[in-house]
Amino acid sequence: MKTIPETVQKLLGEQSIWYIATCRDHTPNAVPVAFKQILPDGRLAVADVFMQVTKANVEANDKIAVSACDASTMEGYQVKGTAEYLSGGPIVDQFKAVVEEATKGGLHAKGVVVITPEVIISTGVGPDNNKQL
């Protein structure tokens, strides 16, 4: 597992939306996600609220990418790694509670995609663009 640098953790923590990309049968899928966090062990977690295609893709092909950027500074990063879909357990219970509370019961988390970082790339403008961290 690749350790996520503090600068990347900071940006991920500040952004209200991350974009996750998956692929199955040569058909890419990218979606915005709002219920997400960096776990204490350095993995990323994303709640499954509307993830029919993403879930199927992760179950067929565990490769995944997470992208986020700050539009005001043009700083951005992509985290590539492997994904695991969890339908139960403490992480799922935590996200179920967060989603329920944030939406006053309007939305429900069905599971969580947990991402193990393997490669981190700068996607911002400037000389570090496309640089592996």
Protein backbone atom coordinates (compact mmCIF):
# COMPACT_ATOMS: atom_id res chain seq x y z
CA MET A 1 0.00 0.00 0.00
CA LYS A 2 1.28 3.44 -0.96
CA THR A 3 1.23 6.05 1.81
CA ILE A 4 -0.74 9.13 0.81
CA PRO A 5 1.39 12.28 1.29
CA GLU A 6 0.05 14.95 3.67
CA THR A 7 -0.50 17.45 0.82
CA VAL A 8 -2.73 14.92 -0.96
CA GLN A 9 -4.57 14.04 2.26
CA LYS A 10 -5.20 17.73 2.88
CA LEU A 11 -6.64 18.30 -0.59
CA LEU A 12 -8.80 15.17 -0.42
CA GLY A 13 -10.08 16.23 2.99
CA GLU A 14 -11.00 19.72 1.79
CA GLN A 15 -12.90 18.69 -1.35
CA SER A 16 -16.62 18.05 -1.07
CA ILE A 17 -16.57 15.77 -4.13
CA TRP A 18 -14.18 13.08 -5.32
CA TYR A 19 -14.53 11.36 -8.68
CA ILE A 20 -14.02 7.61 -8.86
CA ALA A 21 -13.37 5.71 -12.06
CA THR A 22 -13.83 2.00 -12.66
CA CYS A 23 -13.89 -0.19 -15.73
CA ARG A 24 -15.36 -3.51 -16.82
CA ASP A 25 -15.40 -5.03 -20.29
CA HIS A 26 -13.50 -2.01 -21.68
CA THR A 27 -16.34 0.33 -20.69
CA PRO A 28 -15.14 3.10 -18.32
CA ASN A 29 -17.39 4.58 -15.66
CA ALA A 30 -16.68 7.72 -13.61
CA VAL A 31 -18.94 9.11 -10.90
CA PRO A 32 -18.85 11.92 -8.33
CA VAL A 33 -19.03 10.85 -4.69
CA ALA A 34 -19.80 12.96 -1.64
CA PHE A 35 -19.75 10.48 1.25
CA LYS A 36 -16.09 9.60 1.53
CA GLN A 37 -13.10 9.67 3.86
CA ILE A 38 -9.50 8.70 4.39
CA LEU A 39 -9.42 5.82 6.86
CA PRO A 40 -6.92 5.84 9.76
CA ASP A 41 -4.88 3.11 8.02
CA GLY A 42 -4.46 5.25 4.87
CA ARG A 43 -7.03 3.56 2.66
CA LEU A 44 -9.88 5.55 1.10
CA ALA A 45 -13.53 4.72 1.68
CA VAL A 46 -16.56 5.75 -0.36
CA ALA A 47 -20.19 5.06 0.50
CA ASP A 48 -22.36 3.21 -2.00
CA VAL A 49 -25.54 5.23 -2.27
CA PHE A 50 -26.23 4.95 -6.04
CA MET A 51 -23.44 2.66 -7.27
CA GLN A 52 -25.03 -0.03 -9.44
CA VAL A 53 -22.41 0.21 -12.24
CA THR A 54 -19.50 1.03 -9.93
CA LYS A 55 -20.29 -1.91 -7.66
CA ALA A 56 -20.53 -4.32 -10.60
CA ASN A 57 -17.28 -2.96 -12.02
CA VAL A 58 -15.42 -3.34 -8.71
CA GLU A 59 -16.69 -6.90 -8.34
CA ALA A 60 -15.48 -7.75 -11.87
CA ASN A 61 -12.25 -5.71 -11.90
CA ASP A 62 -10.76 -4.35 -8.69
CA LYS A 63 -8.75 -1.57 -10.38
CA ILE A 64 -9.95 1.93 -9.48
CA ALA A 65 -8.89 5.58 -9.62
CA VAL A 66 -9.91 8.48 -7.39
CA SER A 67 -9.46 12.04 -8.61
CA ALA A 68 -9.94 15.35 -6.85
CA CYS A 69 -8.82 18.92 -7.45
CA ASP A 70 -9.10 22.41 -6.05
CA ALA A 71 -10.46 24.51 -8.92
CA SER A 72 -9.25 27.76 -7.34
CA THR A 73 -5.58 26.67 -7.17
CA MET A 74 -5.60 24.02 -9.94
CA GLU A 75 -3.92 21.59 -7.52
CA GLY A 76 -5.11 18.05 -8.12
CA TYR A 77 -4.25 14.42 -7.58
CA GLN A 78 -5.21 11.00 -8.82
CA VAL A 79 -4.96 7.96 -6.56
CA LYS A 80 -4.88 4.64 -8.38
CA GLY A 81 -5.26 1.35 -6.59
CA THR A 82 -7.38 -1.67 -5.88
CA ALA A 83 -10.92 -1.67 -4.57
CA GLU A 84 -12.92 -3.97 -2.37
CA TYR A 85 -16.69 -3.75 -1.94
CA LEU A 86 -17.93 -4.24 1.63
CA SER A 87 -21.60 -4.88 2.36
CA GLY A 88 -21.23 -5.20 6.13
CA GLY A 89 -18.99 -4.43 9.07
CA PRO A 90 -17.96 -1.40 11.13
CA ILE A 91 -16.97 0.82 8.19
CA VAL A 92 -20.31 0.17 6.47
CA ASP A 93 -22.21 0.81 9.72
CA GLN A 94 -20.36 4.11 10.15
CA PHE A 95 -21.19 5.26 6.62
CA LYS A 96 -24.82 4.17 6.96
CA ALA A 97 -25.14 6.41 10.02
CA VAL A 98 -23.38 9.34 8.31
CA VAL A 99 -25.54 9.17 5.19
CA GLU A 100 -28.77 8.77 7.20
CA GLU A 101 -27.93 11.76 9.40
CA ALA A 102 -26.70 14.01 6.56
CA THR A 103 -29.79 13.38 4.45
CA LYS A 104 -32.29 13.15 7.33
CA GLY A 105 -33.14 9.62 6.23
CA GLY A 106 -33.56 10.57 2.57
CA LEU A 107 -30.67 8.45 1.32
CA HIS A 108 -29.21 5.15 2.49
CA ALA A 109 -25.74 3.62 2.13
CA LYS A 110 -25.83 0.03 0.92
CA GLY A 111 -22.12 -0.66 1.26
CA VAL A 112 -18.67 0.88 1.02
CA VAL A 113 -15.93 0.76 -1.58
CA VAL A 114 -12.55 0.61 0.20
CA ILE A 115 -9.58 1.66 -1.93
CA THR A 116 -5.99 0.62 -1.27
CA PRO A 117 -3.69 3.28 -2.80
CA GLU A 118 -0.92 2.01 -5.07
CA VAL A 119 0.05 5.00 -7.24
CA ILE A 120 -0.45 8.72 -6.60
CA ILE A 121 -0.06 11.21 -9.45
CA SER A 122 -0.16 15.01 -9.51
CA THR A 123 -2.78 16.27 -11.96
CA GLY A 124 -2.29 19.97 -11.24
CA VAL A 125 -0.91 22.53 -13.65
CA GLY A 126 2.80 23.23 -13.74
CA PRO A 127 6.03 21.26 -13.80
CA ASP A 128 4.77 18.53 -11.44
CA ASN A 129 1.89 17.56 -13.73
CA ASN A 130 1.82 13.79 -14.21
CA LYS A 131 4.54 13.32 -11.59
CA GLN A 132 4.26 10.25 -9.36
CA LEU A 133 4.44 11.08 -5.68
